[in-house]
Amino acid sequence: MNEHRGRQTKDGIRIYDPSDFAGMHAAGKLAAQILDDIAAHVFVGQTTGAIDGLITQMVEDAGAKSATIGYKGYQHASCISINHVVCHGIPGDKKLKDGDILNIDVTVIVDGWYGDTSRMYVAGKLPRKAERLINVTHDALMRGIETVKPGNTFGDIGHAIQSFVESHRMSVVTDFCGHGLGRVFHAPPNVLHYGRPGTGSVLEPGMFFTIEPMVNLGRAETKVLSDDWTAVTRDKSLSAQFEHSIGVTETGCEIFTLSPAGKFHPTYSKD
């Protein structure tokens, strides 16, 4: 099946070889393992900078590289987005308060392959409305993933996510999207988390990309702060996000970033 190596679709989407799945699984597993291990370090009074420092050390200890340190001038091994921060929150001196929810997003490079994943965490007691938001966001991602199989389209993925989220009277962020990856951090296609069934590029075996819906309790609009990174909800409503890296197979898809310990959802037992 090597005749497909390096092929691109007419939309510029790379088609990877079946042998390339192993590299993506290795990178994805490390990223997921780091997010498993960091869970014990998310607590009231902890700073996001300390969490990022631990992640930086974990990446180094694994003999891997951070994809985000040095990316367009960014200087951290993670993005940590708290409460109404939608994405790209910069780690720093901010201390976590009881009831804060946060998304931690990590991308590592293992033998040239990129593993990209994010998930939600809570400091202290999880507020009821935040729990609803987290559950809907998680389930929206999984519904999107369920539609991934050859012959379906990227519009099918977006529609599955959007229709589920809006049925719970929440909103999908449209200003940011998932992306192709593999031996590069970002590549075609843009994976929209909204859309109409049957539209967009057709899914083919060998496509690698992220699905990473951001869901707001309030309206969908966002704005980027003056640091040129941090995106927040315009109405200050809570936001949540989950992200997996996946590869399309002959019969469906494989998730590269599954949690080794089953900790992808924050309401798992920490015992």
Protein backbone atom coordinates (compact mmCIF):
# COMPACT_ATOMS: atom_id res chain seq x y z
CA MET A 1 0.00 0.00 0.00
CA ASN A 2 3.02 2.28 -0.23
CA GLU A 3 1.70 3.80 -3.44
CA HIS A 4 -0.30 6.22 -1.28
CA ARG A 5 2.70 7.59 0.62
CA GLY A 6 2.85 11.36 0.32
CA ARG A 7 -0.28 11.60 -1.85
CA GLN A 8 -2.47 14.65 -1.41
CA THR A 9 -6.13 15.08 -2.24
CA LYS A 10 -7.27 17.86 -4.55
CA ASP A 11 -7.99 19.84 -1.36
CA GLY A 12 -4.36 19.55 -0.25
CA ILE A 13 -5.02 16.96 2.47
CA ARG A 14 -2.12 14.55 2.98
CA ILE A 15 -2.89 10.84 2.76
CA TYR A 16 -0.56 8.93 5.07
CA ASP A 17 0.57 5.34 4.68
CA PRO A 18 -0.85 2.59 6.96
CA SER A 19 2.63 2.18 8.48
CA ASP A 20 2.49 5.81 9.65
CA PHE A 21 -0.24 5.04 12.19
CA ALA A 22 2.31 3.57 14.61
CA GLY A 23 4.24 6.85 14.84
CA MET A 24 1.05 8.79 15.51
CA HIS A 25 -0.01 6.33 18.19
CA ALA A 26 3.35 6.74 19.94
CA ALA A 27 3.17 10.54 19.89
CA GLY A 28 -0.47 10.58 20.88
CA LYS A 29 0.08 8.16 23.74
CA LEU A 30 2.82 10.33 25.24
CA ALA A 31 0.68 13.47 25.04
CA ALA A 32 -2.21 11.61 26.68
CA GLN A 33 0.07 10.14 29.36
CA ILE A 34 1.30 13.63 30.26
CA LEU A 35 -2.29 14.82 30.64
CA ASP A 36 -3.00 11.77 32.83
CA ASP A 37 0.00 12.51 35.04
CA ILE A 38 -0.70 16.23 35.40
CA ALA A 39 -4.17 15.61 36.87
CA ALA A 40 -2.79 15.16 40.39
CA HIS A 41 -1.16 18.60 40.17
CA VAL A 42 -4.40 20.49 39.46
CA PHE A 43 -5.66 21.80 42.79
CA VAL A 44 -6.80 24.96 44.54
CA GLY A 45 -3.86 27.34 45.05
CA GLN A 46 -1.73 25.81 42.29
CA THR A 47 -0.49 28.18 39.60
CA THR A 48 -0.85 27.54 35.90
CA GLY A 49 2.85 28.34 35.55
CA ALA A 50 3.76 25.53 37.94
CA ILE A 51 1.57 23.11 35.98
CA ASP A 52 3.29 24.14 32.75
CA GLY A 53 6.71 23.70 34.37
CA LEU A 54 5.82 20.14 35.31
CA ILE A 55 4.60 19.44 31.76
CA THR A 56 7.84 20.85 30.34
CA GLN A 57 9.80 18.47 32.57
CA MET A 58 7.61 15.50 31.61
CA VAL A 59 8.23 16.15 27.91
CA GLU A 60 11.99 16.37 28.51
CA ASP A 61 12.04 13.25 30.69
CA ALA A 62 10.32 11.31 27.89
CA GLY A 63 13.03 12.34 25.43
CA ALA A 64 10.46 14.15 23.32
CA LYS A 65 10.08 17.76 22.20
CA SER A 66 7.36 20.30 22.84
CA ALA A 67 5.73 21.49 19.63
CA THR A 68 4.58 24.76 21.21
CA ILE A 69 7.81 26.09 22.76
CA GLY A 70 9.10 28.49 20.12
CA TYR A 71 6.00 28.15 17.92
CA LYS A 72 5.31 31.67 16.58
CA GLY A 73 7.16 33.01 19.63
CA TYR A 74 5.16 31.02 22.20
CA GLN A 75 7.32 30.00 25.17
CA HIS A 76 5.37 27.29 27.02
CA ALA A 77 4.82 23.54 26.71
CA SER A 78 1.07 23.89 27.21
CA CYS A 79 -1.88 26.21 26.84
CA ILE A 80 -3.99 26.44 29.99
CA SER A 81 -7.40 28.07 29.58
CA ILE A 82 -9.46 28.84 32.71
CA ASN A 83 -13.24 29.39 32.93
CA HIS A 84 -14.20 31.94 30.22
CA VAL A 85 -10.89 31.52 28.35
CA VAL A 86 -11.78 29.60 25.19
CA CYS A 87 -8.29 28.55 24.14
CA HIS A 88 -4.60 29.53 24.02
CA GLY A 89 -4.44 30.65 27.64
CA ILE A 90 -0.85 31.43 28.64
CA PRO A 91 0.48 29.79 31.85
CA GLY A 92 1.61 32.22 34.53
CA ASP A 93 1.26 33.27 38.17
CA LYS A 94 -2.53 32.93 38.34
CA LYS A 95 -3.61 30.66 41.21
CA LEU A 96 -6.48 28.26 40.72
CA LYS A 97 -9.58 28.92 42.83
CA ASP A 98 -12.18 26.46 44.09
CA GLY A 99 -14.55 25.61 41.26
CA ASP A 100 -12.28 26.79 38.44
CA ILE A 101 -12.45 24.66 35.32
CA LEU A 102 -9.51 24.58 32.96
CA ASN A 103 -8.47 23.08 29.66
CA ILE A 104 -4.88 21.89 29.36
CA ASP A 105 -3.63 21.48 25.78
CA VAL A 106 -0.35 19.69 25.03
CA THR A 107 1.40 18.87 21.76
CA VAL A 108 4.55 16.74 21.70
CA ILE A 109 6.88 15.58 18.93
CA VAL A 110 8.06 11.95 19.07
CA ASP A 111 10.37 10.79 16.28
CA GLY A 112 9.01 13.53 14.04
CA TRP A 113 5.33 12.75 14.69
CA TYR A 114 2.99 15.20 16.42
CA GLY A 115 0.66 14.19 19.24
CA ASP A 116 -1.93 16.88 20.06
CA THR A 117 -4.65 16.59 22.71
CA SER A 118 -6.47 18.58 25.36
CA ARG A 119 -8.96 17.88 28.10
CA MET A 120 -10.77 19.54 30.98
CA TYR A 121 -9.82 19.61 34.66
CA VAL A 122 -11.37 21.10 37.79
CA ALA A 123 -9.78 22.65 40.88
CA GLY A 124 -11.76 21.79 43.99
CA LYS A 125 -15.51 21.15 43.68
CA LEU A 126 -17.00 21.09 40.20
CA PRO A 127 -19.96 23.54 39.91
CA ARG A 128 -23.15 22.02 38.48
CA LYS A 129 -23.38 24.32 35.44
CA ALA A 130 -19.71 23.72 34.65
CA GLU A 131 -20.30 19.97 34.88
CA ARG A 132 -23.14 20.24 32.35
CA LEU A 133 -20.91 22.21 29.99
CA ILE A 134 -18.04 19.72 30.33
CA ASN A 135 -20.33 16.74 29.73
CA VAL A 136 -21.88 18.26 26.62
CA THR A 137 -18.48 19.26 25.22
CA HIS A 138 -17.01 15.80 25.81
CA ASP A 139 -20.01 14.07 24.28
CA ALA A 140 -20.02 16.43 21.31
CA LEU A 141 -16.42 15.48 20.53
CA MET A 142 -17.26 11.78 20.72
CA ARG A 143 -20.29 12.23 18.46
CA GLY A 144 -18.08 13.97 15.95
CA ILE A 145 -15.57 11.12 16.10
CA GLU A 146 -18.36 8.57 15.60
CA THR A 147 -19.07 10.06 12.17
CA VAL A 148 -15.48 9.61 10.96
CA LYS A 149 -15.32 6.91 8.30
CA PRO A 150 -14.46 6.80 4.60
CA GLY A 151 -17.17 8.31 2.43
CA ASN A 152 -18.49 10.70 5.05
CA THR A 153 -17.50 14.37 4.91
CA PHE A 154 -16.02 16.96 7.23
CA GLY A 155 -19.43 18.66 7.15
CA ASP A 156 -20.88 15.51 8.70
CA ILE A 157 -18.42 15.86 11.61
CA GLY A 158 -19.28 19.52 12.15
CA HIS A 159 -23.02 18.89 11.92
CA ALA A 160 -22.89 16.07 14.48
CA ILE A 161 -21.10 18.36 16.94
CA GLN A 162 -23.15 21.50 16.31
CA SER A 163 -26.56 19.84 16.39
CA PHE A 164 -25.77 18.05 19.66
CA VAL A 165 -24.42 21.18 21.36
CA GLU A 166 -27.28 23.40 20.25
CA SER A 167 -29.83 20.81 21.38
CA HIS A 168 -28.50 21.54 24.88
CA ARG A 169 -28.87 25.32 24.34
CA MET A 170 -25.13 25.90 24.28
CA SER A 171 -23.05 27.32 21.44
CA VAL A 172 -20.15 26.06 19.34
CA VAL A 173 -17.21 28.42 18.87
CA THR A 174 -16.77 29.10 15.15
CA ASP A 175 -13.62 31.25 15.33
CA PHE A 176 -11.29 28.26 15.90
CA CYS A 177 -11.14 24.79 14.39
CA GLY A 178 -9.33 21.48 14.30
CA HIS A 179 -6.55 20.82 11.81
CA GLY A 180 -4.57 18.25 9.92
CA LEU A 181 -1.36 17.01 11.51
CA GLY A 182 1.20 14.23 11.21
CA ARG A 183 4.81 15.19 10.59
CA VAL A 184 3.72 18.82 10.83
CA PHE A 185 1.82 20.67 13.57
CA HIS A 186 -0.85 22.29 11.40
CA ALA A 187 -1.87 21.31 7.88
CA PRO A 188 -5.02 21.08 5.77
CA PRO A 189 -7.84 20.49 6.39
CA ASN A 190 -9.47 22.99 8.70
CA VAL A 191 -11.83 20.81 10.76
CA LEU A 192 -14.89 22.95 11.50
CA HIS A 193 -17.06 22.04 14.48
CA TYR A 194 -20.22 23.19 12.71
CA GLY A 195 -21.58 22.54 9.25
CA ARG A 196 -24.09 20.84 6.98
CA PRO A 197 -24.20 17.10 6.28
CA GLY A 198 -22.62 16.06 3.01
CA THR A 199 -20.51 19.21 2.60
CA GLY A 200 -16.75 19.64 2.66
CA SER A 201 -14.00 17.23 1.70
CA VAL A 202 -14.73 13.51 1.67
CA LEU A 203 -12.94 11.45 4.33
CA GLU A 204 -10.36 8.95 3.07
CA PRO A 205 -8.22 6.33 4.84
CA GLY A 206 -4.88 7.82 5.85
CA MET A 207 -6.12 11.29 6.79
CA PHE A 208 -4.79 12.47 10.18
CA PHE A 209 -6.43 15.43 11.95
CA THR A 210 -7.67 16.81 15.26
CA ILE A 211 -11.25 17.32 16.36
CA GLU A 212 -11.34 19.83 19.21
CA PRO A 213 -14.72 21.51 19.77
CA MET A 214 -14.91 24.56 22.00
CA VAL A 215 -18.35 25.01 23.56
CA ASN A 216 -19.69 28.06 25.40
CA LEU A 217 -22.50 28.20 27.97
CA GLY A 218 -23.44 31.56 26.47
CA ARG A 219 -22.98 33.00 23.02
CA ALA A 220 -20.39 31.78 20.52
CA GLU A 221 -18.52 35.06 19.99
CA THR A 222 -14.92 35.30 21.13
CA LYS A 223 -12.20 37.94 21.25
CA VAL A 224 -8.42 37.69 21.45
CA LEU A 225 -6.73 39.68 24.21
CA SER A 226 -3.84 42.10 23.76
CA ASP A 227 -1.26 39.31 24.29
CA ASP A 228 -2.31 38.06 20.81
CA TRP A 229 -2.89 34.54 22.15
CA THR A 230 -5.59 34.34 24.81
CA ALA A 231 -9.09 33.94 23.36
CA VAL A 232 -12.05 34.58 25.68
CA THR A 233 -15.83 34.54 25.41
CA ARG A 234 -17.15 38.01 24.67
CA ASP A 235 -20.01 37.57 27.16
CA LYS A 236 -17.71 36.13 29.87
CA SER A 237 -19.63 32.84 29.85
CA LEU A 238 -17.86 29.59 30.71
CA SER A 239 -16.14 27.69 27.90
CA ALA A 240 -14.90 24.10 27.63
CA GLN A 241 -12.91 22.08 25.11
CA PHE A 242 -11.80 18.50 24.47
CA GLU A 243 -9.39 17.43 21.73
CA HIS A 244 -8.34 14.14 20.20
CA SER A 245 -5.98 13.40 17.31
CA ILE A 246 -7.37 10.72 15.01
CA GLY A 247 -6.59 8.81 11.84
CA VAL A 248 -9.13 7.59 9.28
CA THR A 249 -9.00 3.83 8.66
CA GLU A 250 -10.63 1.62 6.03
CA THR A 251 -13.62 1.06 8.31
CA GLY A 252 -13.75 4.07 10.63
CA CYS A 253 -11.04 5.76 12.65
CA GLU A 254 -8.44 5.27 15.35
CA ILE A 255 -7.97 7.73 18.23
CA PHE A 256 -4.26 8.36 18.77
CA THR A 257 -4.65 10.26 22.06
CA LEU A 258 -6.73 7.93 24.24
CA SER A 259 -5.99 8.30 27.96
CA PRO A 260 -3.91 5.28 29.07
CA ALA A 261 -5.57 5.46 32.50
CA GLY A 262 -9.09 6.32 31.34
CA LYS A 263 -8.82 9.86 32.73
CA PHE A 264 -9.94 11.83 29.67
CA HIS A 265 -13.04 13.08 31.50
CA PRO A 266 -12.39 15.05 34.72
CA THR A 267 -15.03 13.32 36.84
CA TYR A 268 -12.99 10.11 36.99
CA SER A 269 -11.94 9.03 40.49
CA LYS A 270 -8.59 10.54 41.52
CA ASP A 271 -8.04 7.77 44.10
